[in-house]
Amino acid sequence: MDAIIIRDFEISCCVGVYDAEREKPQRLLVSVEMASDVATAAVKDDLRWSIDYDAVCKRIESIGKERSWNLIETLAVEIAETIMREFAPMSVIVEVKKFAVPGTAYVGVRVTRPQ
């Protein structure tokens, strides 16, 4: 299956369960893999037959800024469900990385949503 991939898109949003985490926006990295048949887009060389990854990035950024989040799990699910609803891939995998735990490169969550 073909896929459109966005890797480590940086967003800033208020996320966390502890007061110290919620004092200011945190840097998160969001990765998205959208299963999509790109054959027609490739043959026609026309974005109208594909998923516009720039539009997806803008939507991810707007979701992050819409409100504050307690859990990155909730944010990841919201991103995945929005992508499925608004961009209609066959499936989507969303990974959110957070840099909050000392001694780790990051902590994260990955969610998958089929069509």
PDB file of N, CA and C in Angstrom:
ATOM      1  N   MET A   1       0.849  -1.188   0.000  1.00  0.00           N
ATOM      2  CA  MET A   1       0.000   0.000   0.000  1.00  0.00           C
ATOM      3  C   MET A   1       0.884   1.237   0.000  1.00  0.00           C
ATOM      4  N   ASP A   2       0.479   2.216  -0.761  1.00  0.00           N
ATOM      5  CA  ASP A   2       1.175   3.500  -0.803  1.00  0.00           C
ATOM      6  C   ASP A   2       0.878   4.277   0.474  1.00  0.00           C
ATOM      7  N   ALA A   3       1.740   5.213   0.777  1.00  0.00           N
ATOM      8  CA  ALA A   3       1.532   6.031   1.972  1.00  0.00           C
ATOM      9  C   ALA A   3       2.113   7.422   1.765  1.00  0.00           C
ATOM     10  N   ILE A   4       1.446   8.382   2.343  1.00  0.00           N
ATOM     11  CA  ILE A   4       1.946   9.746   2.417  1.00  0.00           C
ATOM     12  C   ILE A   4       2.413   9.935   3.854  1.00  0.00           C
ATOM     13  N   ILE A   5       3.647  10.384   4.014  1.00  0.00           N
ATOM     14  CA  ILE A   5       4.273  10.414   5.332  1.00  0.00           C
ATOM     15  C   ILE A   5       4.689  11.830   5.702  1.00  0.00           C
ATOM     16  N   ILE A   6       4.372  12.202   6.911  1.00  0.00           N
ATOM     17  CA  ILE A   6       4.853  13.446   7.521  1.00  0.00           C
ATOM     18  C   ILE A   6       5.639  13.003   8.751  1.00  0.00           C
ATOM     19  N   ARG A   7       6.913  13.323   8.798  1.00  0.00           N
ATOM     20  CA  ARG A   7       7.753  12.829   9.887  1.00  0.00           C
ATOM     21  C   ARG A   7       8.227  13.976  10.776  1.00  0.00           C
ATOM     22  N   ASP A   8       7.929  13.865  12.053  1.00  0.00           N
ATOM     23  CA  ASP A   8       8.420  14.799  13.076  1.00  0.00           C
ATOM     24  C   ASP A   8       8.073  16.256  12.784  1.00  0.00           C
ATOM     25  N   PHE A   9       6.803  16.502  12.510  1.00  0.00           N
ATOM     26  CA  PHE A   9       6.306  17.869  12.332  1.00  0.00           C
ATOM     27  C   PHE A   9       6.242  18.525  13.706  1.00  0.00           C
ATOM     28  N   GLU A  10       6.924  19.635  13.868  1.00  0.00           N
ATOM     29  CA  GLU A  10       7.017  20.287  15.174  1.00  0.00           C
ATOM     30  C   GLU A  10       5.838  21.216  15.417  1.00  0.00           C
ATOM     31  N   ILE A  11       5.173  20.994  16.557  1.00  0.00           N
ATOM     32  CA  ILE A  11       4.106  21.893  16.987  1.00  0.00           C
ATOM     33  C   ILE A  11       4.382  22.297  18.432  1.00  0.00           C
ATOM     34  N   SER A  12       3.700  23.315  18.859  1.00  0.00           N
ATOM     35  CA  SER A  12       3.826  23.787  20.231  1.00  0.00           C
ATOM     36  C   SER A  12       2.421  23.891  20.804  1.00  0.00           C
ATOM     37  N   CYS A  13       2.186  23.189  21.917  1.00  0.00           N
ATOM     38  CA  CYS A  13       0.861  23.273  22.527  1.00  0.00           C
ATOM     39  C   CYS A  13       0.938  23.002  24.020  1.00  0.00           C
ATOM     40  N   CYS A  14      -0.111  23.388  24.700  1.00  0.00           N
ATOM     41  CA  CYS A  14      -0.199  23.165  26.144  1.00  0.00           C
ATOM     42  C   CYS A  14      -0.714  21.752  26.382  1.00  0.00           C
ATOM     43  N   VAL A  15       0.143  20.920  26.959  1.00  0.00           N
ATOM     44  CA  VAL A  15      -0.232  19.532  27.198  1.00  0.00           C
ATOM     45  C   VAL A  15       0.446  19.047  28.472  1.00  0.00           C
ATOM     46  N   GLY A  16      -0.309  18.318  29.274  1.00  0.00           N
ATOM     47  CA  GLY A  16       0.254  17.743  30.487  1.00  0.00           C
ATOM     48  C   GLY A  16      -0.757  17.712  31.612  1.00  0.00           C
ATOM     49  N   VAL A  17      -0.495  16.839  32.567  1.00  0.00           N
ATOM     50  CA  VAL A  17      -1.390  16.725  33.714  1.00  0.00           C
ATOM     51  C   VAL A  17      -0.872  17.504  34.921  1.00  0.00           C
ATOM     52  N   TYR A  18       0.395  17.850  34.903  1.00  0.00           N
ATOM     53  CA  TYR A  18       0.990  18.577  36.026  1.00  0.00           C
ATOM     54  C   TYR A  18       1.011  20.073  35.735  1.00  0.00           C
ATOM     55  N   ASP A  19       0.815  20.870  36.781  1.00  0.00           N
ATOM     56  CA  ASP A  19       0.775  22.327  36.631  1.00  0.00           C
ATOM     57  C   ASP A  19       2.011  22.862  35.917  1.00  0.00           C
ATOM     58  N   ALA A  20       3.177  22.362  36.274  1.00  0.00           N
ATOM     59  CA  ALA A  20       4.423  22.841  35.659  1.00  0.00           C
ATOM     60  C   ALA A  20       4.430  22.604  34.148  1.00  0.00           C
ATOM     61  N   GLU A  21       3.809  21.512  33.703  1.00  0.00           N
ATOM     62  CA  GLU A  21       3.748  21.211  32.268  1.00  0.00           C
ATOM     63  C   GLU A  21       2.816  22.163  31.532  1.00  0.00           C
ATOM     64  N   ARG A  22       1.815  22.651  32.238  1.00  0.00           N
ATOM     65  CA  ARG A  22       0.771  23.441  31.590  1.00  0.00           C
ATOM     66  C   ARG A  22       1.049  24.948  31.639  1.00  0.00           C
ATOM     67  N   GLU A  23       2.163  25.343  32.261  1.00  0.00           N
ATOM     68  CA  GLU A  23       2.476  26.765  32.396  1.00  0.00           C
ATOM     69  C   GLU A  23       2.759  27.441  31.063  1.00  0.00           C
ATOM     70  N   LYS A  24       3.368  26.704  30.148  1.00  0.00           N
ATOM     71  CA  LYS A  24       3.678  27.274  28.838  1.00  0.00           C
ATOM     72  C   LYS A  24       3.620  26.165  27.794  1.00  0.00           C
ATOM     73  N   PRO A  25       3.429  26.530  26.539  1.00  0.00           N
ATOM     74  CA  PRO A  25       3.370  25.514  25.485  1.00  0.00           C
ATOM     75  C   PRO A  25       4.655  24.685  25.432  1.00  0.00           C
ATOM     76  N   GLN A  26       4.490  23.421  25.104  1.00  0.00           N
ATOM     77  CA  GLN A  26       5.615  22.498  24.979  1.00  0.00           C
ATOM     78  C   GLN A  26       5.833  22.125  23.524  1.00  0.00           C
ATOM     79  N   ARG A  27       7.066  21.807  23.223  1.00  0.00           N
ATOM     80  CA  ARG A  27       7.428  21.324  21.889  1.00  0.00           C
ATOM     81  C   ARG A  27       7.040  19.849  21.787  1.00  0.00           C
ATOM     82  N   LEU A  28       6.292  19.528  20.746  1.00  0.00           N
ATOM     83  CA  LEU A  28       5.936  18.146  20.437  1.00  0.00           C
ATOM     84  C   LEU A  28       6.324  17.868  18.995  1.00  0.00           C
ATOM     85  N   LEU A  29       6.591  16.612  18.685  1.00  0.00           N
ATOM     86  CA  LEU A  29       6.793  16.196  17.304  1.00  0.00           C
ATOM     87  C   LEU A  29       5.676  15.238  16.937  1.00  0.00           C
ATOM     88  N   VAL A  30       5.039  15.499  15.804  1.00  0.00           N
ATOM     89  CA  VAL A  30       3.929  14.679  15.332  1.00  0.00           C
ATOM     90  C   VAL A  30       4.328  14.042  14.006  1.00  0.00           C
ATOM     91  N   SER A  31       4.177  12.734  13.934  1.00  0.00           N
ATOM     92  CA  SER A  31       4.405  12.007  12.690  1.00  0.00           C
ATOM     93  C   SER A  31       3.099  11.365  12.261  1.00  0.00           C
ATOM     94  N   VAL A  32       2.881  11.375  10.957  1.00  0.00           N
ATOM     95  CA  VAL A  32       1.636  10.847  10.399  1.00  0.00           C
ATOM     96  C   VAL A  32       1.976   9.983   9.193  1.00  0.00           C
ATOM     97  N   GLU A  33       1.337   8.829   9.109  1.00  0.00           N
ATOM     98  CA  GLU A  33       1.439   7.992   7.918  1.00  0.00           C
ATOM     99  C   GLU A  33       0.018   7.695   7.453  1.00  0.00           C
ATOM    100  N   MET A  34      -0.305   8.168   6.250  1.00  0.00           N
ATOM    101  CA  MET A  34      -1.652   8.022   5.699  1.00  0.00           C
ATOM    102  C   MET A  34      -1.617   7.057   4.521  1.00  0.00           C
ATOM    103  N   ALA A  35      -2.294   5.920   4.661  1.00  0.00           N
ATOM    104  CA  ALA A  35      -2.381   4.967   3.559  1.00  0.00           C
ATOM    105  C   ALA A  35      -3.289   5.558   2.491  1.00  0.00           C
ATOM    106  N   SER A  36      -2.761   5.601   1.272  1.00  0.00           N
ATOM    107  CA  SER A  36      -3.510   6.222   0.185  1.00  0.00           C
ATOM    108  C   SER A  36      -2.973   5.710  -1.141  1.00  0.00           C
ATOM    109  N   ASP A  37      -3.849   5.406  -2.056  1.00  0.00           N
ATOM    110  CA  ASP A  37      -3.427   4.995  -3.393  1.00  0.00           C
ATOM    111  C   ASP A  37      -3.003   6.248  -4.157  1.00  0.00           C
ATOM    112  N   VAL A  38      -1.715   6.364  -4.422  1.00  0.00           N
ATOM    113  CA  VAL A  38      -1.204   7.568  -5.087  1.00  0.00           C
ATOM    114  C   VAL A  38      -1.036   7.387  -6.593  1.00  0.00           C
ATOM    115  N   ALA A  39      -1.478   6.263  -7.136  1.00  0.00           N
ATOM    116  CA  ALA A  39      -1.248   5.959  -8.552  1.00  0.00           C
ATOM    117  C   ALA A  39      -1.831   7.023  -9.478  1.00  0.00           C
ATOM    118  N   THR A  40      -3.080   7.401  -9.263  1.00  0.00           N
ATOM    119  CA  THR A  40      -3.709   8.396 -10.143  1.00  0.00           C
ATOM    120  C   THR A  40      -3.008   9.737 -10.029  1.00  0.00           C
ATOM    121  N   ALA A  41      -2.692  10.145  -8.821  1.00  0.00           N
ATOM    122  CA  ALA A  41      -1.978  11.410  -8.626  1.00  0.00           C
ATOM    123  C   ALA A  41      -0.633  11.378  -9.340  1.00  0.00           C
ATOM    124  N   ALA A  42       0.055  10.246  -9.269  1.00  0.00           N
ATOM    125  CA  ALA A  42       1.360  10.125  -9.917  1.00  0.00           C
ATOM    126  C   ALA A  42       1.244  10.178 -11.437  1.00  0.00           C
ATOM    127  N   VAL A  43       0.262   9.478 -11.986  1.00  0.00           N
ATOM    128  CA  VAL A  43       0.072   9.471 -13.441  1.00  0.00           C
ATOM    129  C   VAL A  43      -0.315  10.855 -13.941  1.00  0.00           C
ATOM    130  N   LYS A  44      -1.240  11.496 -13.237  1.00  0.00           N
ATOM    131  CA  LYS A  44      -1.719  12.814 -13.658  1.00  0.00           C
ATOM    132  C   LYS A  44      -0.793  13.942 -13.196  1.00  0.00           C
ATOM    133  N   ASP A  45       0.117  13.635 -12.270  1.00  0.00           N
ATOM    134  CA  ASP A  45       1.009  14.636 -11.684  1.00  0.00           C
ATOM    135  C   ASP A  45       0.205  15.827 -11.181  1.00  0.00           C
ATOM    136  N   ASP A  46      -0.848  15.495 -10.395  1.00  0.00           N
ATOM    137  CA  ASP A  46      -1.824  16.504  -9.985  1.00  0.00           C
ATOM    138  C   ASP A  46      -2.202  16.282  -8.520  1.00  0.00           C
ATOM    139  N   LEU A  47      -1.971  17.296  -7.711  1.00  0.00           N
ATOM    140  CA  LEU A  47      -2.240  17.220  -6.278  1.00  0.00           C
ATOM    141  C   LEU A  47      -3.708  16.957  -5.960  1.00  0.00           C
ATOM    142  N   ARG A  48      -4.599  17.356  -6.842  1.00  0.00           N
ATOM    143  CA  ARG A  48      -6.030  17.148  -6.575  1.00  0.00           C
ATOM    144  C   ARG A  48      -6.384  15.675  -6.401  1.00  0.00           C
ATOM    145  N   TRP A  49      -5.526  14.774  -6.850  1.00  0.00           N
ATOM    146  CA  TRP A  49      -5.771  13.340  -6.749  1.00  0.00           C
ATOM    147  C   TRP A  49      -5.012  12.703  -5.580  1.00  0.00           C
ATOM    148  N   SER A  50      -4.477  13.539  -4.722  1.00  0.00           N
ATOM    149  CA  SER A  50      -3.689  13.047  -3.595  1.00  0.00           C
ATOM    150  C   SER A  50      -4.134  13.741  -2.310  1.00  0.00           C
ATOM    151  N   ILE A  51      -3.399  13.514  -1.251  1.00  0.00           N
ATOM    152  CA  ILE A  51      -3.634  14.194   0.020  1.00  0.00           C
ATOM    153  C   ILE A  51      -2.583  15.291   0.142  1.00  0.00           C
ATOM    154  N   ASP A  52      -3.027  16.490   0.350  1.00  0.00           N
ATOM    155  CA  ASP A  52      -2.138  17.650   0.446  1.00  0.00           C
ATOM    156  C   ASP A  52      -1.482  17.665   1.829  1.00  0.00           C
ATOM    157  N   TYR A  53      -0.223  17.258   1.894  1.00  0.00           N
ATOM    158  CA  TYR A  53       0.438  17.164   3.198  1.00  0.00           C
ATOM    159  C   TYR A  53       0.626  18.522   3.856  1.00  0.00           C
ATOM    160  N   ASP A  54       0.716  19.592   3.067  1.00  0.00           N
ATOM    161  CA  ASP A  54       0.791  20.932   3.658  1.00  0.00           C
ATOM    162  C   ASP A  54      -0.511  21.258   4.395  1.00  0.00           C
ATOM    163  N   ALA A  55      -1.640  20.915   3.787  1.00  0.00           N
ATOM    164  CA  ALA A  55      -2.939  21.142   4.432  1.00  0.00           C
ATOM    165  C   ALA A  55      -3.067  20.291   5.696  1.00  0.00           C
ATOM    166  N   VAL A  56      -2.550  19.065   5.652  1.00  0.00           N
ATOM    167  CA  VAL A  56      -2.586  18.203   6.837  1.00  0.00           C
ATOM    168  C   VAL A  56      -1.757  18.827   7.962  1.00  0.00           C
ATOM    169  N   CYS A  57      -0.576  19.329   7.637  1.00  0.00           N
ATOM    170  CA  CYS A  57       0.275  19.966   8.656  1.00  0.00           C
ATOM    171  C   CYS A  57      -0.415  21.180   9.271  1.00  0.00           C
ATOM    172  N   LYS A  58      -1.033  21.990   8.446  1.00  0.00           N
ATOM    173  CA  LYS A  58      -1.743  23.163   8.968  1.00  0.00           C
ATOM    174  C   LYS A  58      -2.883  22.744   9.887  1.00  0.00           C
ATOM    175  N   ARG A  59      -3.553  21.666   9.540  1.00  0.00           N
ATOM    176  CA  ARG A  59      -4.666  21.188  10.371  1.00  0.00           C
ATOM    177  C   ARG A  59      -4.154  20.632  11.699  1.00  0.00           C
ATOM    178  N   ILE A  60      -3.045  19.895  11.657  1.00  0.00           N
ATOM    179  CA  ILE A  60      -2.444  19.382  12.892  1.00  0.00           C
ATOM    180  C   ILE A  60      -2.080  20.541  13.810  1.00  0.00           C
ATOM    181  N   GLU A  61      -1.470  21.563  13.243  1.00  0.00           N
ATOM    182  CA  GLU A  61      -1.084  22.732  14.034  1.00  0.00           C
ATOM    183  C   GLU A  61      -2.303  23.406  14.662  1.00  0.00           C
ATOM    184  N   SER A  62      -3.384  23.521  13.893  1.00  0.00           N
ATOM    185  CA  SER A  62      -4.587  24.163  14.435  1.00  0.00           C
ATOM    186  C   SER A  62      -5.219  23.322  15.544  1.00  0.00           C
ATOM    187  N   ILE A  63      -5.188  22.007  15.413  1.00  0.00           N
ATOM    188  CA  ILE A  63      -5.720  21.134  16.465  1.00  0.00           C
ATOM    189  C   ILE A  63      -4.931  21.343  17.756  1.00  0.00           C
ATOM    190  N   GLY A  64      -3.622  21.418  17.646  1.00  0.00           N
ATOM    191  CA  GLY A  64      -2.782  21.618  18.823  1.00  0.00           C
ATOM    192  C   GLY A  64      -3.069  22.913  19.549  1.00  0.00           C
ATOM    193  N   LYS A  65      -3.489  23.930  18.805  1.00  0.00           N
ATOM    194  CA  LYS A  65      -3.738  25.245  19.395  1.00  0.00           C
ATOM    195  C   LYS A  65      -5.189  25.455  19.829  1.00  0.00           C
ATOM    196  N   GLU A  66      -6.091  24.555  19.436  1.00  0.00           N
ATOM    197  CA  GLU A  66      -7.517  24.730  19.732  1.00  0.00           C
ATOM    198  C   GLU A  66      -7.811  24.786  21.224  1.00  0.00           C
ATOM    199  N   ARG A  67      -7.066  24.010  21.997  1.00  0.00           N
ATOM    200  CA  ARG A  67      -7.308  23.950  23.436  1.00  0.00           C
ATOM    201  C   ARG A  67      -6.078  23.359  24.105  1.00  0.00           C
ATOM    202  N   SER A  68      -6.117  23.258  25.416  1.00  0.00           N
ATOM    203  CA  SER A  68      -5.040  22.568  26.123  1.00  0.00           C
ATOM    204  C   SER A  68      -5.434  21.096  26.263  1.00  0.00           C
ATOM    205  N   TRP A  69      -4.430  20.257  26.432  1.00  0.00           N
ATOM    206  CA  TRP A  69      -4.634  18.813  26.468  1.00  0.00           C
ATOM    207  C   TRP A  69      -4.000  18.258  27.735  1.00  0.00           C
ATOM    208  N   ASN A  70      -4.686  17.368  28.418  1.00  0.00           N
ATOM    209  CA  ASN A  70      -4.082  16.676  29.558  1.00  0.00           C
ATOM    210  C   ASN A  70      -3.116  15.604  29.071  1.00  0.00           C
ATOM    211  N   LEU A  71      -3.545  14.833  28.083  1.00  0.00           N
ATOM    212  CA  LEU A  71      -2.782  13.671  27.626  1.00  0.00           C
ATOM    213  C   LEU A  71      -2.417  13.779  26.154  1.00  0.00           C
ATOM    214  N   ILE A  72      -1.207  13.324  25.815  1.00  0.00           N
ATOM    215  CA  ILE A  72      -0.854  13.254  24.397  1.00  0.00           C
ATOM    216  C   ILE A  72      -1.678  12.166  23.709  1.00  0.00           C
ATOM    217  N   GLU A  73      -2.189  11.218  24.471  1.00  0.00           N
ATOM    218  CA  GLU A  73      -3.070  10.199  23.902  1.00  0.00           C
ATOM    219  C   GLU A  73      -4.322  10.843  23.302  1.00  0.00           C
ATOM    220  N   THR A  74      -4.900  11.779  24.040  1.00  0.00           N
ATOM    221  CA  THR A  74      -6.105  12.472  23.570  1.00  0.00           C
ATOM    222  C   THR A  74      -5.796  13.293  22.329  1.00  0.00           C
ATOM    223  N   LEU A  75      -4.676  13.983  22.341  1.00  0.00           N
ATOM    224  CA  LEU A  75      -4.262  14.774  21.182  1.00  0.00           C
ATOM    225  C   LEU A  75      -4.054  13.883  19.965  1.00  0.00           C
ATOM    226  N   ALA A  76      -3.376  12.753  20.135  1.00  0.00           N
ATOM    227  CA  ALA A  76      -3.120  11.842  19.015  1.00  0.00           C
ATOM    228  C   ALA A  76      -4.415  11.303  18.417  1.00  0.00           C
ATOM    229  N   VAL A  77      -5.357  10.921  19.270  1.00  0.00           N
ATOM    230  CA  VAL A  77      -6.649  10.421  18.782  1.00  0.00           C
ATOM    231  C   VAL A  77      -7.393  11.518  18.028  1.00  0.00           C
ATOM    232  N   GLU A  78      -7.390  12.729  18.555  1.00  0.00           N
ATOM    233  CA  GLU A  78      -8.069  13.842  17.879  1.00  0.00           C
ATOM    234  C   GLU A  78      -7.452  14.110  16.509  1.00  0.00           C
ATOM    235  N   ILE A  79      -6.137  14.084  16.418  1.00  0.00           N
ATOM    236  CA  ILE A  79      -5.469  14.286  15.129  1.00  0.00           C
ATOM    237  C   ILE A  79      -5.850  13.170  14.161  1.00  0.00           C
ATOM    238  N   ALA A  80      -5.780  11.921  14.617  1.00  0.00           N
ATOM    239  CA  ALA A  80      -6.094  10.780  13.750  1.00  0.00           C
ATOM    240  C   ALA A  80      -7.528  10.836  13.242  1.00  0.00           C
ATOM    241  N   GLU A  81      -8.468  11.093  14.135  1.00  0.00           N
ATOM    242  CA  GLU A  81      -9.875  11.123  13.727  1.00  0.00           C
ATOM    243  C   GLU A  81     -10.169  12.302  12.804  1.00  0.00           C
ATOM    244  N   THR A  82      -9.511  13.427  13.029  1.00  0.00           N
ATOM    245  CA  THR A  82      -9.692  14.584  12.143  1.00  0.00           C
ATOM    246  C   THR A  82      -9.136  14.287  10.756  1.00  0.00           C
ATOM    247  N   ILE A  83      -7.965  13.676  10.683  1.00  0.00           N
ATOM    248  CA  ILE A  83      -7.385  13.331   9.382  1.00  0.00           C
ATOM    249  C   ILE A  83      -8.292  12.359   8.640  1.00  0.00           C
ATOM    250  N   MET A  84      -8.805  11.352   9.329  1.00  0.00           N
ATOM    251  CA  MET A  84      -9.708  10.394   8.676  1.00  0.00           C
ATOM    252  C   MET A  84     -10.947  11.095   8.137  1.00  0.00           C
ATOM    253  N   ARG A  85     -11.503  11.983   8.919  1.00  0.00           N
ATOM    254  CA  ARG A  85     -12.741  12.675   8.544  1.00  0.00           C
ATOM    255  C   ARG A  85     -12.514  13.699   7.423  1.00  0.00           C
ATOM    256  N   GLU A  86     -11.447  14.466   7.501  1.00  0.00           N
ATOM    257  CA  GLU A  86     -11.260  15.587   6.585  1.00  0.00           C
ATOM    258  C   GLU A  86     -10.418  15.267   5.350  1.00  0.00           C
ATOM    259  N   PHE A  87      -9.555  14.246   5.429  1.00  0.00           N
ATOM    260  CA  PHE A  87      -8.661  13.958   4.307  1.00  0.00           C
ATOM    261  C   PHE A  87      -8.879  12.570   3.705  1.00  0.00           C
ATOM    262  N   ALA A  88      -9.649  11.734   4.378  1.00  0.00           N
ATOM    263  CA  ALA A  88     -10.113  10.431   3.884  1.00  0.00           C
ATOM    264  C   ALA A  88      -9.028   9.484   3.377  1.00  0.00           C
ATOM    265  N   PRO A  89      -7.950   9.284   4.140  1.00  0.00           N
ATOM    266  CA  PRO A  89      -7.023   8.221   3.750  1.00  0.00           C
ATOM    267  C   PRO A  89      -7.657   6.863   4.045  1.00  0.00           C
ATOM    268  N   MET A  90      -7.046   5.793   3.546  1.00  0.00           N
ATOM    269  CA  MET A  90      -7.550   4.453   3.836  1.00  0.00           C
ATOM    270  C   MET A  90      -7.339   4.106   5.307  1.00  0.00           C
ATOM    271  N   SER A  91      -6.262   4.596   5.872  1.00  0.00           N
ATOM    272  CA  SER A  91      -5.989   4.466   7.304  1.00  0.00           C
ATOM    273  C   SER A  91      -4.953   5.518   7.669  1.00  0.00           C
ATOM    274  N   VAL A  92      -4.780   5.714   8.970  1.00  0.00           N
ATOM    275  CA  VAL A  92      -3.792   6.688   9.424  1.00  0.00           C
ATOM    276  C   VAL A  92      -3.122   6.176  10.692  1.00  0.00           C
ATOM    277  N   ILE A  93      -1.837   6.427  10.781  1.00  0.00           N
ATOM    278  CA  ILE A  93      -1.072   6.192  12.000  1.00  0.00           C
ATOM    279  C   ILE A  93      -0.554   7.552  12.440  1.00  0.00           C
ATOM    280  N   VAL A  94      -0.802   7.897  13.696  1.00  0.00           N
ATOM    281  CA  VAL A  94      -0.335   9.171  14.252  1.00  0.00           C
ATOM    282  C   VAL A  94       0.546   8.859  15.453  1.00  0.00           C
ATOM    283  N   GLU A  95       1.713   9.470  15.475  1.00  0.00           N
ATOM    284  CA  GLU A  95       2.629   9.333  16.600  1.00  0.00           C
ATOM    285  C   GLU A  95       2.929  10.722  17.141  1.00  0.00           C
ATOM    286  N   VAL A  96       2.808  10.882  18.454  1.00  0.00           N
ATOM    287  CA  VAL A  96       3.117  12.153  19.112  1.00  0.00           C
ATOM    288  C   VAL A  96       4.250  11.901  20.098  1.00  0.00           C
ATOM    289  N   LYS A  97       5.312  12.704  19.974  1.00  0.00           N
ATOM    290  CA  LYS A  97       6.470  12.608  20.866  1.00  0.00           C
ATOM    291  C   LYS A  97       6.517  13.835  21.764  1.00  0.00           C
ATOM    292  N   LYS A  98       6.803  13.586  23.030  1.00  0.00           N
ATOM    293  CA  LYS A  98       6.881  14.649  24.034  1.00  0.00           C
ATOM    294  C   LYS A  98       8.222  14.533  24.759  1.00  0.00           C
ATOM    295  N   PHE A  99       8.814  15.661  25.068  1.00  0.00           N
ATOM    296  CA  PHE A  99      10.153  15.688  25.662  1.00  0.00           C
ATOM    297  C   PHE A  99      10.065  16.129  27.116  1.00  0.00           C
ATOM    298  N   ALA A 100       9.477  15.273  27.947  1.00  0.00           N
ATOM    299  CA  ALA A 100       9.142  15.684  29.306  1.00  0.00           C
ATOM    300  C   ALA A 100       9.798  14.854  30.405  1.00  0.00           C
ATOM    301  N   VAL A 101      10.346  13.712  30.069  1.00  0.00           N
ATOM    302  CA  VAL A 101      10.880  12.833  31.103  1.00  0.00           C
ATOM    303  C   VAL A 101      12.409  12.824  31.021  1.00  0.00           C
ATOM    304  N   PRO A 102      13.062  13.346  32.040  1.00  0.00           N
ATOM    305  CA  PRO A 102      14.529  13.349  32.042  1.00  0.00           C
ATOM    306  C   PRO A 102      15.082  11.931  31.880  1.00  0.00           C
ATOM    307  N   GLY A 103      16.159  11.828  31.121  1.00  0.00           N
ATOM    308  CA  GLY A 103      16.788  10.536  30.908  1.00  0.00           C
ATOM    309  C   GLY A 103      16.247   9.775  29.715  1.00  0.00           C
ATOM    310  N   THR A 104      15.231  10.330  29.044  1.00  0.00           N
ATOM    311  CA  THR A 104      14.691   9.687  27.846  1.00  0.00           C
ATOM    312  C   THR A 104      14.886  10.614  26.653  1.00  0.00           C
ATOM    313  N   ALA A 105      14.995  10.033  25.475  1.00  0.00           N
ATOM    314  CA  ALA A 105      15.013  10.852  24.260  1.00  0.00           C
ATOM    315  C   ALA A 105      13.651  11.518  24.092  1.00  0.00           C
ATOM    316  N   TYR A 106      12.606  10.761  24.356  1.00  0.00           N
ATOM    317  CA  TYR A 106      11.233  11.259  24.322  1.00  0.00           C
ATOM    318  C   TYR A 106      10.317  10.188  24.881  1.00  0.00           C
ATOM    319  N   VAL A 107       9.098  10.581  25.196  1.00  0.00           N
ATOM    320  CA  VAL A 107       8.014   9.642  25.472  1.00  0.00           C
ATOM    321  C   VAL A 107       6.980   9.883  24.383  1.00  0.00           C
ATOM    322  N   GLY A 108       6.172   8.892  24.095  1.00  0.00           N
ATOM    323  CA  GLY A 108       5.234   9.098  23.005  1.00  0.00           C
ATOM    324  C   GLY A 108       4.085   8.123  23.015  1.00  0.00           C
ATOM    325  N   VAL A 109       3.215   8.347  22.060  1.00  0.00           N
ATOM    326  CA  VAL A 109       2.058   7.482  21.857  1.00  0.00           C
ATOM    327  C   VAL A 109       1.838   7.348  20.354  1.00  0.00           C
ATOM    328  N   ARG A 110       1.371   6.175  19.945  1.00  0.00           N
ATOM    329  CA  ARG A 110       1.048   5.931  18.538  1.00  0.00           C
ATOM    330  C   ARG A 110      -0.360   5.354  18.478  1.00  0.00           C
ATOM    331  N   VAL A 111      -1.189   5.944  17.623  1.00  0.00           N
ATOM    332  CA  VAL A 111      -2.547   5.436  17.425  1.00  0.00           C
ATOM    333  C   VAL A 111      -2.757   5.144  15.947  1.00  0.00           C
ATOM    334  N   THR A 112      -3.593   4.154  15.672  1.00  0.00           N
ATOM    335  CA  THR A 112      -3.920   3.765  14.304  1.00  0.00           C
ATOM    336  C   THR A 112      -5.427   3.800  14.144  1.00  0.00           C
ATOM    337  N   ARG A 113      -5.871   4.359  13.045  1.00  0.00           N
ATOM    338  CA  ARG A 113      -7.301   4.386  12.750  1.00  0.00           C
ATOM    339  C   ARG A 113      -7.512   3.881  11.329  1.00  0.00           C
ATOM    340  N   PRO A 114      -8.256   2.775  11.195  1.00  0.00           N
ATOM    341  CA  PRO A 114      -8.617   2.306   9.850  1.00  0.00           C
ATOM    342  C   PRO A 114      -9.843   3.056   9.352  1.00  0.00           C
ATOM    343  N   GLN A 115     -10.099   2.953   8.066  1.00  0.00           N
ATOM    344  CA  GLN A 115     -11.271   3.629   7.493  1.00  0.00           C
ATOM    345  C   GLN A 115     -12.526   2.913   7.895  1.00  0.00           C
TER     346      GLN A 115
END
